[in-house]
Amino acid sequence: MRGTGPPNPTGDRHWRGSARFATGCALTFAALTLLLDWDAGTLTPPRTLLWLALSAALFAVLLPPKVTAGPGWLAVRSPLRRRTIRTDALVAVRQYDGISSHLVLRDAFGDRLELDSRVLVANPLLWHEVDTGVRRSVALGTLRQGTDVLRRLGHEIDDETARSALRASGIS
């Protein structure tokens, strides 16, 4: 049952828009490069393959990983792999700051997952699934490292949710 979840897991609500953006950029790049090469009279089958391969690479770089969660699990799927951890059996959580701030979560089964913390901030329902699993890990005593990181992230998510509610109601 590891890595499986309900038929409708909670996911990143902004992923589809980001995937459409990546697709649009890749298709635009392919169309423009092929059109310019054709207009210059230098378009050949190898050059066509080159432009299509570069467009596919651009798509792969721009496509964000898809994050989903369910009761006791969290999964991150990229174009090349899928990583799943048990949030109800976490042993460590670390946050790395810098240009690309991200969380690294490890569970008791040895699985490891990297995740951009902004995905959790932007998706309160996704955070709820993760937080529920984290609370179970704390109750079971498996989570030994990173409770302060999760507490800080929870406060950040609560603050952002409150600001969003105030903005939506016209108060702020």
Protein backbone atom coordinates (compact mmCIF):
# COMPACT_ATOMS: atom_id res chain seq x y z
CA MET A 1 0.00 0.00 0.00
CA ARG A 2 3.05 2.29 0.04
CA GLY A 3 2.67 5.19 -2.39
CA THR A 4 -0.97 4.58 -3.16
CA GLY A 5 -3.72 6.89 -2.20
CA PRO A 6 -7.36 7.71 -2.71
CA PRO A 7 -8.71 8.06 -6.25
CA ASN A 8 -8.81 11.86 -5.90
CA PRO A 9 -5.67 12.99 -4.10
CA THR A 10 -5.04 16.64 -3.31
CA GLY A 11 -2.77 18.31 -5.84
CA ASP A 12 -1.10 21.56 -6.78
CA ARG A 13 -3.89 23.75 -8.10
CA HIS A 14 -1.44 25.91 -10.09
CA TRP A 15 0.31 23.02 -11.88
CA ARG A 16 -1.95 22.98 -14.95
CA GLY A 17 -1.35 26.67 -15.59
CA SER A 18 2.40 26.17 -15.27
CA ALA A 19 2.24 23.16 -17.59
CA ARG A 20 0.31 25.21 -20.16
CA PHE A 21 2.94 27.95 -19.89
CA ALA A 22 5.76 25.41 -20.46
CA THR A 23 3.90 23.95 -23.45
CA GLY A 24 3.25 27.39 -24.93
CA CYS A 25 6.88 28.43 -24.57
CA ALA A 26 8.15 25.22 -26.15
CA LEU A 27 5.69 25.38 -29.04
CA THR A 28 6.42 29.06 -29.64
CA PHE A 29 10.16 28.39 -29.62
CA ALA A 30 9.72 25.51 -32.09
CA ALA A 31 7.49 27.52 -34.39
CA LEU A 32 9.73 30.60 -34.41
CA THR A 33 12.97 28.70 -34.93
CA LEU A 34 11.51 26.55 -37.70
CA LEU A 35 9.92 29.57 -39.36
CA LEU A 36 13.12 31.63 -39.21
CA ASP A 37 15.21 28.73 -40.49
CA TRP A 38 12.72 28.07 -43.29
CA ASP A 39 12.62 31.77 -44.23
CA ALA A 40 16.42 31.86 -44.40
CA GLY A 41 16.34 28.84 -46.72
CA THR A 42 18.52 26.76 -44.40
CA LEU A 43 15.90 24.38 -42.97
CA THR A 44 16.99 20.77 -43.44
CA PRO A 45 15.78 17.56 -41.77
CA PRO A 46 18.73 17.49 -39.31
CA ARG A 47 18.14 21.14 -38.38
CA THR A 48 14.43 20.42 -37.95
CA LEU A 49 15.30 17.61 -35.54
CA LEU A 50 17.68 19.93 -33.71
CA TRP A 51 15.00 22.60 -33.23
CA LEU A 52 12.44 20.02 -32.11
CA ALA A 53 14.92 18.48 -29.64
CA LEU A 54 15.74 21.92 -28.22
CA SER A 55 12.02 22.65 -27.89
CA ALA A 56 11.51 19.38 -26.02
CA ALA A 57 14.43 20.24 -23.73
CA LEU A 58 12.94 23.69 -23.06
CA PHE A 59 9.62 22.04 -22.19
CA ALA A 60 11.34 19.61 -19.80
CA VAL A 61 13.17 22.47 -18.06
CA LEU A 62 10.08 24.68 -17.69
CA LEU A 63 7.63 21.95 -16.66
CA PRO A 64 7.34 22.03 -12.86
CA PRO A 65 7.07 18.80 -10.90
CA LYS A 66 3.51 17.73 -10.09
CA VAL A 67 2.91 17.51 -6.34
CA THR A 68 0.07 15.40 -4.92
CA ALA A 69 -0.77 14.24 -1.43
CA GLY A 70 -3.22 11.98 0.33
CA PRO A 71 -3.69 10.54 3.79
CA GLY A 72 -0.18 9.72 4.97
CA TRP A 73 1.71 10.22 1.71
CA LEU A 74 3.24 12.91 -0.50
CA ALA A 75 4.37 12.43 -4.12
CA VAL A 76 6.38 14.59 -6.50
CA ARG A 77 6.34 13.58 -10.17
CA SER A 78 8.75 15.08 -12.66
CA PRO A 79 9.08 14.14 -16.34
CA LEU A 80 11.77 11.58 -15.47
CA ARG A 81 10.74 10.11 -12.10
CA ARG A 82 8.19 9.88 -9.33
CA ARG A 83 9.18 10.09 -5.67
CA THR A 84 6.80 9.20 -2.85
CA ILE A 85 7.26 9.41 0.90
CA ARG A 86 5.11 8.53 3.88
CA THR A 87 4.30 11.76 5.74
CA ASP A 88 3.02 9.74 8.69
CA ALA A 89 6.48 8.14 9.08
CA LEU A 90 8.80 11.11 8.59
CA VAL A 91 12.17 11.05 10.33
CA ALA A 92 13.74 14.31 9.10
CA VAL A 93 12.83 17.54 7.37
CA ARG A 94 15.38 20.09 6.24
CA GLN A 95 14.97 23.41 4.48
CA TYR A 96 17.68 24.72 2.19
CA ASP A 97 17.57 28.41 1.40
CA GLY A 98 19.24 30.24 -1.42
CA ILE A 99 18.33 30.84 -5.03
CA SER A 100 16.05 27.81 -5.00
CA SER A 101 14.64 27.33 -1.51
CA HIS A 102 13.39 23.79 -1.05
CA LEU A 103 12.45 21.21 1.55
CA VAL A 104 14.02 17.77 1.81
CA LEU A 105 11.85 15.18 3.55
CA ARG A 106 12.94 11.67 4.59
CA ASP A 107 10.72 8.90 5.86
CA ALA A 108 11.37 5.82 7.98
CA PHE A 109 11.49 3.61 4.87
CA GLY A 110 14.55 5.43 3.50
CA ASP A 111 12.67 7.37 0.83
CA ARG A 112 13.70 10.97 0.17
CA LEU A 113 11.80 13.75 -1.56
CA GLU A 114 12.70 17.33 -2.51
CA LEU A 115 9.95 19.91 -2.76
CA ASP A 116 9.71 23.63 -3.36
CA SER A 117 8.11 25.03 -0.20
CA ARG A 118 6.25 27.65 -2.27
CA VAL A 119 4.02 24.85 -3.58
CA LEU A 120 2.79 24.17 -0.04
CA VAL A 121 2.37 27.91 0.68
CA ALA A 122 0.24 28.33 -2.47
CA ASN A 123 -1.89 25.22 -1.78
CA PRO A 124 -3.42 25.12 1.71
CA LEU A 125 -5.25 21.83 1.02
CA LEU A 126 -1.99 20.19 0.03
CA TRP A 127 -0.37 21.57 3.19
CA HIS A 128 -3.26 20.19 5.27
CA GLU A 129 -2.54 16.64 4.00
CA VAL A 130 1.17 17.05 4.73
CA ASP A 131 0.56 18.62 8.14
CA THR A 132 -1.80 15.82 9.15
CA GLY A 133 0.89 13.27 8.33
CA VAL A 134 3.53 15.32 10.14
CA ARG A 135 1.38 15.45 13.28
CA ARG A 136 1.08 11.66 13.14
CA SER A 137 4.87 11.35 12.78
CA VAL A 138 5.35 13.58 15.83
CA ALA A 139 2.80 11.57 17.81
CA LEU A 140 4.53 8.30 16.88
CA GLY A 141 7.93 9.76 17.72
CA THR A 142 9.51 9.10 14.33
CA LEU A 143 10.11 12.76 13.42
CA ARG A 144 13.34 13.66 15.18
CA GLN A 145 14.64 16.51 13.06
CA GLY A 146 12.88 19.44 11.44
CA THR A 147 9.86 20.20 13.60
CA ASP A 148 10.99 23.85 13.82
CA VAL A 149 11.15 24.07 10.01
CA LEU A 150 7.62 22.70 9.71
CA ARG A 151 6.31 24.96 12.45
CA ARG A 152 7.78 28.01 10.70
CA LEU A 153 6.35 26.86 7.35
CA GLY A 154 2.95 26.30 8.95
CA HIS A 155 2.94 29.86 10.31
CA GLU A 156 3.92 31.20 6.88
CA ILE A 157 1.11 29.24 5.23
CA ASP A 158 -1.43 30.38 7.84
CA ASP A 159 -0.34 34.01 7.37
CA GLU A 160 -0.63 33.76 3.58
CA THR A 161 -4.05 32.09 3.84
CA ALA A 162 -5.28 34.87 6.16
CA ARG A 163 -3.93 37.56 3.80
CA SER A 164 -5.66 35.87 0.86
CA ALA A 165 -8.95 35.72 2.74
CA LEU A 166 -8.68 39.39 3.67
CA ARG A 167 -7.85 40.35 0.08
CA ALA A 168 -10.80 38.31 -1.23
CA SER A 169 -13.17 39.98 1.23
CA GLY A 170 -11.88 43.45 0.35
CA ILE A 171 -10.67 44.22 3.87
CA SER A 172 -6.98 44.69 3.13
